[in-house]
Amino acid sequence: MLPQIETIPPAGDTAHILLVEDDDGLRMLVTRLLRESGYRVTGCRSGAEFWRLLPTGGVDLVLLDVMLPGASGLDLLRALRAKSTVPVIMVSARNEEADRVLGLELGADDYVAKPFGRPELLARVRAVLRRSAIAPSPLAAPKAECLSFSGWRLDLRSRSLHDPEGAGVDLSGAEYDLLLMFLEHPGRVLGREMILELSRGRLGSATDRSVDTLVSRLRRKLEPPEGHPPVIKTVRGAGYMLASKVERA
């Protein structure tokens, strides 16, 4: 009988990946592929095992199959995003645009369709891990529940933004990620390459122009009253910077 859970012994300080895949053969194959590439891997085959393993901590990335017995991968992602920002790559044999869009809107960091080759999977894993290194620590629950800046308030639990008058402002997944990135690095110039790494899974076309478009969309939503300085400043030839003081609560 094949074991339901395969755990790879730790290998130094390499990233730890939690693989959720109900196909035993594919799970073992991907586990071996990732291990050969230097990652630590814990494999499981259902939502129940996923929830049992996740609280043990030390998980840097989740590879989550969409089609699982019981709760689907999308159901697990929705529940996971209510309590954690650990990076997630969705994996599915269904290469439907609607599935990809739903996964990204629910908070997935990337999406890979089966069958996939080794180079593609490893490239996506490395890219998401690079982006997570830029963003706040993924597994630990934020010490702060809200971030305040220039009268604005971002609730990290509900992922909701409120303006200085208390009105809610809708944010897309990419806009939320970008705003959180600025709030975690106030006063620091963020170049386009850094923003690309964070937003690649959210942007349809990962180019400098798409980054500028995303920043412009966010800036319009944060536009201050006339006569007040902008919340996000353009630093010519370097990138963008949050020009506000950030308070945690």
C-alpha atoms as a PDB file:
ATOM      1  CA  MET A   1       0.000   0.000   0.000  1.00  0.00           C
ATOM      2  CA  LEU A   2       1.330   3.426  -0.934  1.00  0.00           C
ATOM      3  CA  PRO A   3       1.714   5.756   2.027  1.00  0.00           C
ATOM      4  CA  GLN A   4      -0.691   8.678   2.033  1.00  0.00           C
ATOM      5  CA  ILE A   5       1.921  11.141   3.229  1.00  0.00           C
ATOM      6  CA  GLU A   6       5.533  11.352   2.073  1.00  0.00           C
ATOM      7  CA  THR A   7       7.794  13.627   4.098  1.00  0.00           C
ATOM      8  CA  ILE A   8      11.259  14.537   2.868  1.00  0.00           C
ATOM      9  CA  PRO A   9      13.828  15.052   5.620  1.00  0.00           C
ATOM     10  CA  PRO A  10      15.003  18.653   6.066  1.00  0.00           C
ATOM     11  CA  ALA A  11      17.855  19.762   3.837  1.00  0.00           C
ATOM     12  CA  GLY A  12      19.359  22.812   5.482  1.00  0.00           C
ATOM     13  CA  ASP A  13      17.542  26.091   5.064  1.00  0.00           C
ATOM     14  CA  THR A  14      15.924  25.219   1.716  1.00  0.00           C
ATOM     15  CA  ALA A  15      12.287  26.099   1.084  1.00  0.00           C
ATOM     16  CA  HIS A  16       9.655  23.681   2.386  1.00  0.00           C
ATOM     17  CA  ILE A  17       6.826  22.882  -0.054  1.00  0.00           C
ATOM     18  CA  LEU A  18       3.496  21.300   0.907  1.00  0.00           C
ATOM     19  CA  LEU A  19       2.172  19.297  -2.075  1.00  0.00           C
ATOM     20  CA  VAL A  20      -1.557  18.466  -2.119  1.00  0.00           C
ATOM     21  CA  GLU A  21      -2.243  15.895  -4.872  1.00  0.00           C
ATOM     22  CA  ASP A  22      -4.593  12.878  -4.687  1.00  0.00           C
ATOM     23  CA  ASP A  23      -2.932  10.979  -7.563  1.00  0.00           C
ATOM     24  CA  ASP A  24      -0.376   8.826  -5.716  1.00  0.00           C
ATOM     25  CA  GLY A  25       1.898   8.343  -8.731  1.00  0.00           C
ATOM     26  CA  LEU A  26       1.984  12.016  -9.677  1.00  0.00           C
ATOM     27  CA  ARG A  27       2.446  13.081  -6.063  1.00  0.00           C
ATOM     28  CA  MET A  28       5.475  10.830  -5.688  1.00  0.00           C
ATOM     29  CA  LEU A  29       6.872  11.961  -9.057  1.00  0.00           C
ATOM     30  CA  VAL A  30       6.569  15.672  -8.238  1.00  0.00           C
ATOM     31  CA  THR A  31       7.933  15.059  -4.735  1.00  0.00           C
ATOM     32  CA  ARG A  32      11.030  13.434  -6.224  1.00  0.00           C
ATOM     33  CA  LEU A  33      11.424  16.207  -8.820  1.00  0.00           C
ATOM     34  CA  LEU A  34      11.304  18.913  -6.176  1.00  0.00           C
ATOM     35  CA  ARG A  35      13.615  17.028  -3.850  1.00  0.00           C
ATOM     36  CA  GLU A  36      16.193  16.614  -6.606  1.00  0.00           C
ATOM     37  CA  SER A  37      16.025  20.388  -7.071  1.00  0.00           C
ATOM     38  CA  GLY A  38      16.943  20.995  -3.436  1.00  0.00           C
ATOM     39  CA  TYR A  39      13.536  21.572  -1.834  1.00  0.00           C
ATOM     40  CA  ARG A  40      12.022  19.946   1.232  1.00  0.00           C
ATOM     41  CA  VAL A  41       8.624  18.440   0.450  1.00  0.00           C
ATOM     42  CA  THR A  42       5.649  17.138   2.397  1.00  0.00           C
ATOM     43  CA  GLY A  43       3.026  15.396   0.275  1.00  0.00           C
ATOM     44  CA  CYS A  44      -0.605  14.778   1.147  1.00  0.00           C
ATOM     45  CA  ARG A  45      -3.688  13.669  -0.773  1.00  0.00           C
ATOM     46  CA  SER A  46      -6.718  15.409   0.735  1.00  0.00           C
ATOM     47  CA  GLY A  47      -7.999  18.519   2.465  1.00  0.00           C
ATOM     48  CA  ALA A  48      -8.136  16.740   5.804  1.00  0.00           C
ATOM     49  CA  GLU A  49      -4.436  15.885   5.620  1.00  0.00           C
ATOM     50  CA  PHE A  50      -3.647  19.388   4.400  1.00  0.00           C
ATOM     51  CA  TRP A  51      -5.220  21.023   7.466  1.00  0.00           C
ATOM     52  CA  ARG A  52      -3.511  18.544   9.759  1.00  0.00           C
ATOM     53  CA  LEU A  53      -0.076  19.253   8.294  1.00  0.00           C
ATOM     54  CA  LEU A  54      -0.260  23.028   7.786  1.00  0.00           C
ATOM     55  CA  PRO A  55      -0.275  24.079  11.478  1.00  0.00           C
ATOM     56  CA  THR A  56       3.070  22.342  12.027  1.00  0.00           C
ATOM     57  CA  GLY A  57       4.623  25.438  10.462  1.00  0.00           C
ATOM     58  CA  GLY A  58       7.683  25.980   8.326  1.00  0.00           C
ATOM     59  CA  VAL A  59       5.790  25.801   5.002  1.00  0.00           C
ATOM     60  CA  ASP A  60       7.054  28.270   2.387  1.00  0.00           C
ATOM     61  CA  LEU A  61       4.824  27.277  -0.547  1.00  0.00           C
ATOM     62  CA  VAL A  62       1.726  25.154  -1.227  1.00  0.00           C
ATOM     63  CA  LEU A  63       1.252  23.273  -4.516  1.00  0.00           C
ATOM     64  CA  LEU A  64      -2.504  22.683  -4.527  1.00  0.00           C
ATOM     65  CA  ASP A  65      -4.389  20.458  -6.985  1.00  0.00           C
ATOM     66  CA  VAL A  66      -7.833  21.774  -7.954  1.00  0.00           C
ATOM     67  CA  MET A  67      -9.558  18.376  -8.226  1.00  0.00           C
ATOM     68  CA  LEU A  68      -9.388  16.674  -4.820  1.00  0.00           C
ATOM     69  CA  PRO A  69     -11.656  14.178  -3.046  1.00  0.00           C
ATOM     70  CA  GLY A  70     -14.093  15.979  -0.755  1.00  0.00           C
ATOM     71  CA  ALA A  71     -13.337  19.697  -0.617  1.00  0.00           C
ATOM     72  CA  SER A  72     -11.851  20.957  -3.887  1.00  0.00           C
ATOM     73  CA  GLY A  73      -8.570  22.803  -4.112  1.00  0.00           C
ATOM     74  CA  LEU A  74     -10.474  26.049  -4.684  1.00  0.00           C
ATOM     75  CA  ASP A  75     -12.481  25.436  -1.490  1.00  0.00           C
ATOM     76  CA  LEU A  76      -9.240  24.853   0.421  1.00  0.00           C
ATOM     77  CA  LEU A  77      -7.706  28.005  -1.059  1.00  0.00           C
ATOM     78  CA  ARG A  78     -10.715  30.094  -0.069  1.00  0.00           C
ATOM     79  CA  ALA A  79     -10.531  28.810   3.526  1.00  0.00           C
ATOM     80  CA  LEU A  80      -6.740  29.159   3.641  1.00  0.00           C
ATOM     81  CA  ARG A  81      -6.800  32.797   2.564  1.00  0.00           C
ATOM     82  CA  ALA A  82      -9.023  33.610   5.543  1.00  0.00           C
ATOM     83  CA  LYS A  83      -6.180  32.731   7.885  1.00  0.00           C
ATOM     84  CA  SER A  84      -2.844  32.729   6.034  1.00  0.00           C
ATOM     85  CA  THR A  85      -0.933  34.399   3.205  1.00  0.00           C
ATOM     86  CA  VAL A  86       1.318  31.412   2.490  1.00  0.00           C
ATOM     87  CA  PRO A  87       2.057  31.394  -1.289  1.00  0.00           C
ATOM     88  CA  VAL A  88      -0.080  28.960  -3.316  1.00  0.00           C
ATOM     89  CA  ILE A  89       0.344  27.583  -6.843  1.00  0.00           C
ATOM     90  CA  MET A  90      -2.817  25.935  -8.156  1.00  0.00           C
ATOM     91  CA  VAL A  91      -2.384  22.806 -10.299  1.00  0.00           C
ATOM     92  CA  SER A  92      -5.137  21.491 -12.567  1.00  0.00           C
ATOM     93  CA  ALA A  93      -5.756  19.240 -15.556  1.00  0.00           C
ATOM     94  CA  ARG A  94      -8.500  21.667 -16.588  1.00  0.00           C
ATOM     95  CA  ASN A  95      -6.868  24.453 -18.555  1.00  0.00           C
ATOM     96  CA  GLU A  96      -9.979  26.636 -18.517  1.00  0.00           C
ATOM     97  CA  GLU A  97      -9.543  30.414 -18.327  1.00  0.00           C
ATOM     98  CA  ALA A  98     -12.456  30.663 -15.890  1.00  0.00           C
ATOM     99  CA  ASP A  99     -10.690  28.277 -13.485  1.00  0.00           C
ATOM    100  CA  ARG A 100      -7.449  30.237 -13.688  1.00  0.00           C
ATOM    101  CA  VAL A 101      -9.196  33.561 -13.118  1.00  0.00           C
ATOM    102  CA  LEU A 102     -11.180  32.186 -10.154  1.00  0.00           C
ATOM    103  CA  GLY A 103      -8.050  30.727  -8.574  1.00  0.00           C
ATOM    104  CA  LEU A 104      -6.160  34.013  -8.899  1.00  0.00           C
ATOM    105  CA  GLU A 105      -9.103  36.030  -7.606  1.00  0.00           C
ATOM    106  CA  LEU A 106      -9.342  33.730  -4.567  1.00  0.00           C
ATOM    107  CA  GLY A 107      -5.709  34.519  -3.783  1.00  0.00           C
ATOM    108  CA  ALA A 108      -3.568  32.000  -5.652  1.00  0.00           C
ATOM    109  CA  ASP A 109      -0.117  33.297  -6.567  1.00  0.00           C
ATOM    110  CA  ASP A 110       0.160  31.303  -9.800  1.00  0.00           C
ATOM    111  CA  TYR A 111      -1.548  28.546 -11.794  1.00  0.00           C
ATOM    112  CA  VAL A 112       0.006  25.663 -13.732  1.00  0.00           C
ATOM    113  CA  ALA A 113      -1.905  23.313 -16.037  1.00  0.00           C
ATOM    114  CA  LYS A 114      -1.325  19.550 -16.290  1.00  0.00           C
ATOM    115  CA  PRO A 115       0.532  18.064 -17.989  1.00  0.00           C
ATOM    116  CA  PHE A 116       3.485  20.290 -17.130  1.00  0.00           C
ATOM    117  CA  GLY A 117       7.185  19.854 -17.747  1.00  0.00           C
ATOM    118  CA  ARG A 118       9.887  19.937 -15.107  1.00  0.00           C
ATOM    119  CA  PRO A 119      11.391  23.276 -16.307  1.00  0.00           C
ATOM    120  CA  GLU A 120       8.008  25.062 -16.200  1.00  0.00           C
ATOM    121  CA  LEU A 121       7.089  23.803 -12.734  1.00  0.00           C
ATOM    122  CA  LEU A 122      10.485  24.662 -11.258  1.00  0.00           C
ATOM    123  CA  ALA A 123      10.448  28.111 -12.891  1.00  0.00           C
ATOM    124  CA  ARG A 124       7.037  28.878 -11.385  1.00  0.00           C
ATOM    125  CA  VAL A 125       8.081  27.592  -7.959  1.00  0.00           C
ATOM    126  CA  ARG A 126      11.225  29.727  -7.974  1.00  0.00           C
ATOM    127  CA  ALA A 127       9.336  32.824  -9.151  1.00  0.00           C
ATOM    128  CA  VAL A 128       6.673  32.544  -6.442  1.00  0.00           C
ATOM    129  CA  LEU A 129       9.305  31.950  -3.759  1.00  0.00           C
ATOM    130  CA  ARG A 130      11.213  35.041  -4.959  1.00  0.00           C
ATOM    131  CA  ARG A 131       8.052  37.125  -4.746  1.00  0.00           C
ATOM    132  CA  SER A 132       7.266  35.818  -1.266  1.00  0.00           C
ATOM    133  CA  ALA A 133      10.757  36.808  -0.125  1.00  0.00           C
ATOM    134  CA  ILE A 134       9.921  40.395  -1.120  1.00  0.00           C
ATOM    135  CA  ALA A 135       6.473  40.349   0.490  1.00  0.00           C
ATOM    136  CA  PRO A 136       5.813  39.901   4.222  1.00  0.00           C
ATOM    137  CA  SER A 137       6.576  36.486   5.747  1.00  0.00           C
ATOM    138  CA  PRO A 138       3.896  34.201   4.262  1.00  0.00           C
ATOM    139  CA  LEU A 139       3.057  31.691   6.972  1.00  0.00           C
ATOM    140  CA  ALA A 140       3.158  33.770  10.083  1.00  0.00           C
ATOM    141  CA  ALA A 141      -0.073  35.532  10.861  1.00  0.00           C
ATOM    142  CA  PRO A 142       0.521  39.267  10.709  1.00  0.00           C
ATOM    143  CA  LYS A 143       1.331  40.784  14.086  1.00  0.00           C
ATOM    144  CA  ALA A 144      -0.758  43.761  13.075  1.00  0.00           C
ATOM    145  CA  GLU A 145      -4.392  43.363  12.085  1.00  0.00           C
ATOM    146  CA  CYS A 146      -4.634  46.766  10.394  1.00  0.00           C
ATOM    147  CA  LEU A 147      -2.249  49.154   8.655  1.00  0.00           C
ATOM    148  CA  SER A 148      -3.056  52.878   8.652  1.00  0.00           C
ATOM    149  CA  PHE A 149      -1.528  55.511   6.354  1.00  0.00           C
ATOM    150  CA  SER A 150      -2.562  59.059   5.438  1.00  0.00           C
ATOM    151  CA  GLY A 151      -5.983  58.468   6.999  1.00  0.00           C
ATOM    152  CA  TRP A 152      -6.503  55.219   5.062  1.00  0.00           C
ATOM    153  CA  ARG A 153      -6.952  51.858   6.818  1.00  0.00           C
ATOM    154  CA  LEU A 154      -6.146  48.397   5.413  1.00  0.00           C
ATOM    155  CA  ASP A 155      -7.632  45.454   7.330  1.00  0.00           C
ATOM    156  CA  LEU A 156      -5.295  42.465   6.864  1.00  0.00           C
ATOM    157  CA  ARG A 157      -7.868  39.960   8.093  1.00  0.00           C
ATOM    158  CA  SER A 158     -10.617  40.873   5.645  1.00  0.00           C
ATOM    159  CA  ARG A 159      -8.244  42.295   2.984  1.00  0.00           C
ATOM    160  CA  SER A 160     -10.459  45.398   2.906  1.00  0.00           C
ATOM    161  CA  LEU A 161      -9.453  49.030   2.381  1.00  0.00           C
ATOM    162  CA  HIS A 162     -11.273  52.057   3.826  1.00  0.00           C
ATOM    163  CA  ASP A 163     -10.695  55.680   2.881  1.00  0.00           C
ATOM    164  CA  PRO A 164     -10.255  58.538   5.408  1.00  0.00           C
ATOM    165  CA  GLU A 165     -14.056  58.967   5.515  1.00  0.00           C
ATOM    166  CA  GLY A 166     -14.558  55.291   6.383  1.00  0.00           C
ATOM    167  CA  ALA A 167     -15.942  54.228   3.012  1.00  0.00           C
ATOM    168  CA  GLY A 168     -14.849  50.892   1.584  1.00  0.00           C
ATOM    169  CA  VAL A 169     -12.737  50.860  -1.586  1.00  0.00           C
ATOM    170  CA  ASP A 170     -12.677  47.778  -3.802  1.00  0.00           C
ATOM    171  CA  LEU A 171      -9.249  46.355  -4.667  1.00  0.00           C
ATOM    172  CA  SER A 172      -8.383  43.639  -7.144  1.00  0.00           C
ATOM    173  CA  GLY A 173      -6.060  40.883  -5.985  1.00  0.00           C
ATOM    174  CA  ALA A 174      -3.117  42.498  -7.770  1.00  0.00           C
ATOM    175  CA  GLU A 175      -3.917  45.946  -6.324  1.00  0.00           C
ATOM    176  CA  TYR A 176      -4.133  44.539  -2.792  1.00  0.00           C
ATOM    177  CA  ASP A 177      -0.790  42.744  -3.182  1.00  0.00           C
ATOM    178  CA  LEU A 178       0.850  45.892  -4.524  1.00  0.00           C
ATOM    179  CA  LEU A 179      -0.551  48.107  -1.760  1.00  0.00           C
ATOM    180  CA  LEU A 180       0.598  45.647   0.902  1.00  0.00           C
ATOM    181  CA  MET A 181       4.048  45.617  -0.664  1.00  0.00           C
ATOM    182  CA  PHE A 182       4.261  49.422  -0.427  1.00  0.00           C
ATOM    183  CA  LEU A 183       2.974  49.392   3.167  1.00  0.00           C
ATOM    184  CA  GLU A 184       5.603  46.843   4.200  1.00  0.00           C
ATOM    185  CA  HIS A 185       8.344  49.052   2.695  1.00  0.00           C
ATOM    186  CA  PRO A 186       7.346  52.682   3.438  1.00  0.00           C
ATOM    187  CA  GLY A 187       9.844  55.266   2.219  1.00  0.00           C
ATOM    188  CA  ARG A 188      11.659  52.686   0.104  1.00  0.00           C
ATOM    189  CA  VAL A 189      11.856  52.999  -3.680  1.00  0.00           C
ATOM    190  CA  LEU A 190      10.432  49.880  -5.341  1.00  0.00           C
ATOM    191  CA  GLY A 191      11.708  49.295  -8.853  1.00  0.00           C
ATOM    192  CA  ARG A 192       9.650  47.788 -11.650  1.00  0.00           C
ATOM    193  CA  GLU A 193      11.545  44.484 -11.500  1.00  0.00           C
ATOM    194  CA  MET A 194      10.684  44.041  -7.825  1.00  0.00           C
ATOM    195  CA  ILE A 195       7.026  44.855  -8.471  1.00  0.00           C
ATOM    196  CA  LEU A 196       7.026  42.439 -11.409  1.00  0.00           C
ATOM    197  CA  GLU A 197       8.212  39.622  -9.168  1.00  0.00           C
ATOM    198  CA  LEU A 198       5.326  40.242  -6.783  1.00  0.00           C
ATOM    199  CA  SER A 199       2.662  40.734  -9.428  1.00  0.00           C
ATOM    200  CA  ARG A 200       3.626  38.265 -12.170  1.00  0.00           C
ATOM    201  CA  GLY A 201       0.943  35.758 -11.197  1.00  0.00           C
ATOM    202  CA  ARG A 202      -1.721  38.484 -11.203  1.00  0.00           C
ATOM    203  CA  LEU A 203      -0.849  40.326 -14.409  1.00  0.00           C
ATOM    204  CA  GLY A 204      -1.958  39.068 -17.776  1.00  0.00           C
ATOM    205  CA  SER A 205       1.148  40.576 -19.406  1.00  0.00           C
ATOM    206  CA  ALA A 206       4.156  40.879 -17.116  1.00  0.00           C
ATOM    207  CA  THR A 207       5.919  43.921 -18.601  1.00  0.00           C
ATOM    208  CA  ASP A 208       7.098  47.314 -17.403  1.00  0.00           C
ATOM    209  CA  ARG A 209       3.994  48.802 -19.007  1.00  0.00           C
ATOM    210  CA  SER A 210       1.682  46.447 -17.118  1.00  0.00           C
ATOM    211  CA  VAL A 211       3.439  47.415 -13.869  1.00  0.00           C
ATOM    212  CA  ASP A 212       2.937  51.117 -14.620  1.00  0.00           C
ATOM    213  CA  THR A 213      -0.725  50.431 -15.398  1.00  0.00           C
ATOM    214  CA  LEU A 214      -1.213  48.554 -12.117  1.00  0.00           C
ATOM    215  CA  VAL A 215       0.472  51.330 -10.106  1.00  0.00           C
ATOM    216  CA  SER A 216      -1.648  53.940 -11.895  1.00  0.00           C
ATOM    217  CA  ARG A 217      -4.852  52.057 -11.047  1.00  0.00           C
ATOM    218  CA  LEU A 218      -3.879  51.893  -7.386  1.00  0.00           C
ATOM    219  CA  ARG A 219      -2.842  55.554  -7.288  1.00  0.00           C
ATOM    220  CA  ARG A 220      -6.188  56.634  -8.705  1.00  0.00           C
ATOM    221  CA  LYS A 221      -7.959  54.810  -5.889  1.00  0.00           C
ATOM    222  CA  LEU A 222      -5.669  56.462  -3.324  1.00  0.00           C
ATOM    223  CA  GLU A 223      -5.875  59.919  -4.872  1.00  0.00           C
ATOM    224  CA  PRO A 224      -5.649  62.508  -2.059  1.00  0.00           C
ATOM    225  CA  PRO A 225      -7.754  65.672  -1.786  1.00  0.00           C
ATOM    226  CA  GLU A 226      -6.598  68.586  -3.924  1.00  0.00           C
ATOM    227  CA  GLY A 227      -3.531  70.264  -2.461  1.00  0.00           C
ATOM    228  CA  HIS A 228      -2.334  67.201  -0.578  1.00  0.00           C
ATOM    229  CA  PRO A 229       0.806  65.251  -1.604  1.00  0.00           C
ATOM    230  CA  PRO A 230       0.331  61.914  -3.387  1.00  0.00           C
ATOM    231  CA  VAL A 231       0.387  58.734  -1.324  1.00  0.00           C
ATOM    232  CA  ILE A 232       2.532  56.936  -3.924  1.00  0.00           C
ATOM    233  CA  LYS A 233       5.303  59.005  -5.500  1.00  0.00           C
ATOM    234  CA  THR A 234       7.109  58.385  -8.765  1.00  0.00           C
ATOM    235  CA  VAL A 235      10.890  58.415  -8.408  1.00  0.00           C
ATOM    236  CA  ARG A 236      12.156  59.214 -11.879  1.00  0.00           C
ATOM    237  CA  GLY A 237      14.369  56.504 -13.317  1.00  0.00           C
ATOM    238  CA  ALA A 238      14.041  54.318 -10.214  1.00  0.00           C
ATOM    239  CA  GLY A 239      10.437  53.298  -9.550  1.00  0.00           C
ATOM    240  CA  TYR A 240       7.763  54.140  -7.002  1.00  0.00           C
ATOM    241  CA  MET A 241       7.673  54.888  -3.291  1.00  0.00           C
ATOM    242  CA  LEU A 242       5.035  55.084  -0.556  1.00  0.00           C
ATOM    243  CA  ALA A 243       5.362  58.617   0.823  1.00  0.00           C
ATOM    244  CA  SER A 244       3.214  58.043   3.920  1.00  0.00           C
ATOM    245  CA  LYS A 245       3.990  56.982   7.464  1.00  0.00           C
ATOM    246  CA  VAL A 246       2.532  53.546   8.252  1.00  0.00           C
ATOM    247  CA  GLU A 247       1.054  52.699  11.626  1.00  0.00           C
ATOM    248  CA  ARG A 248       0.208  49.173  12.773  1.00  0.00           C
ATOM    249  CA  ALA A 249      -2.693  48.265  15.017  1.00  0.00           C
END
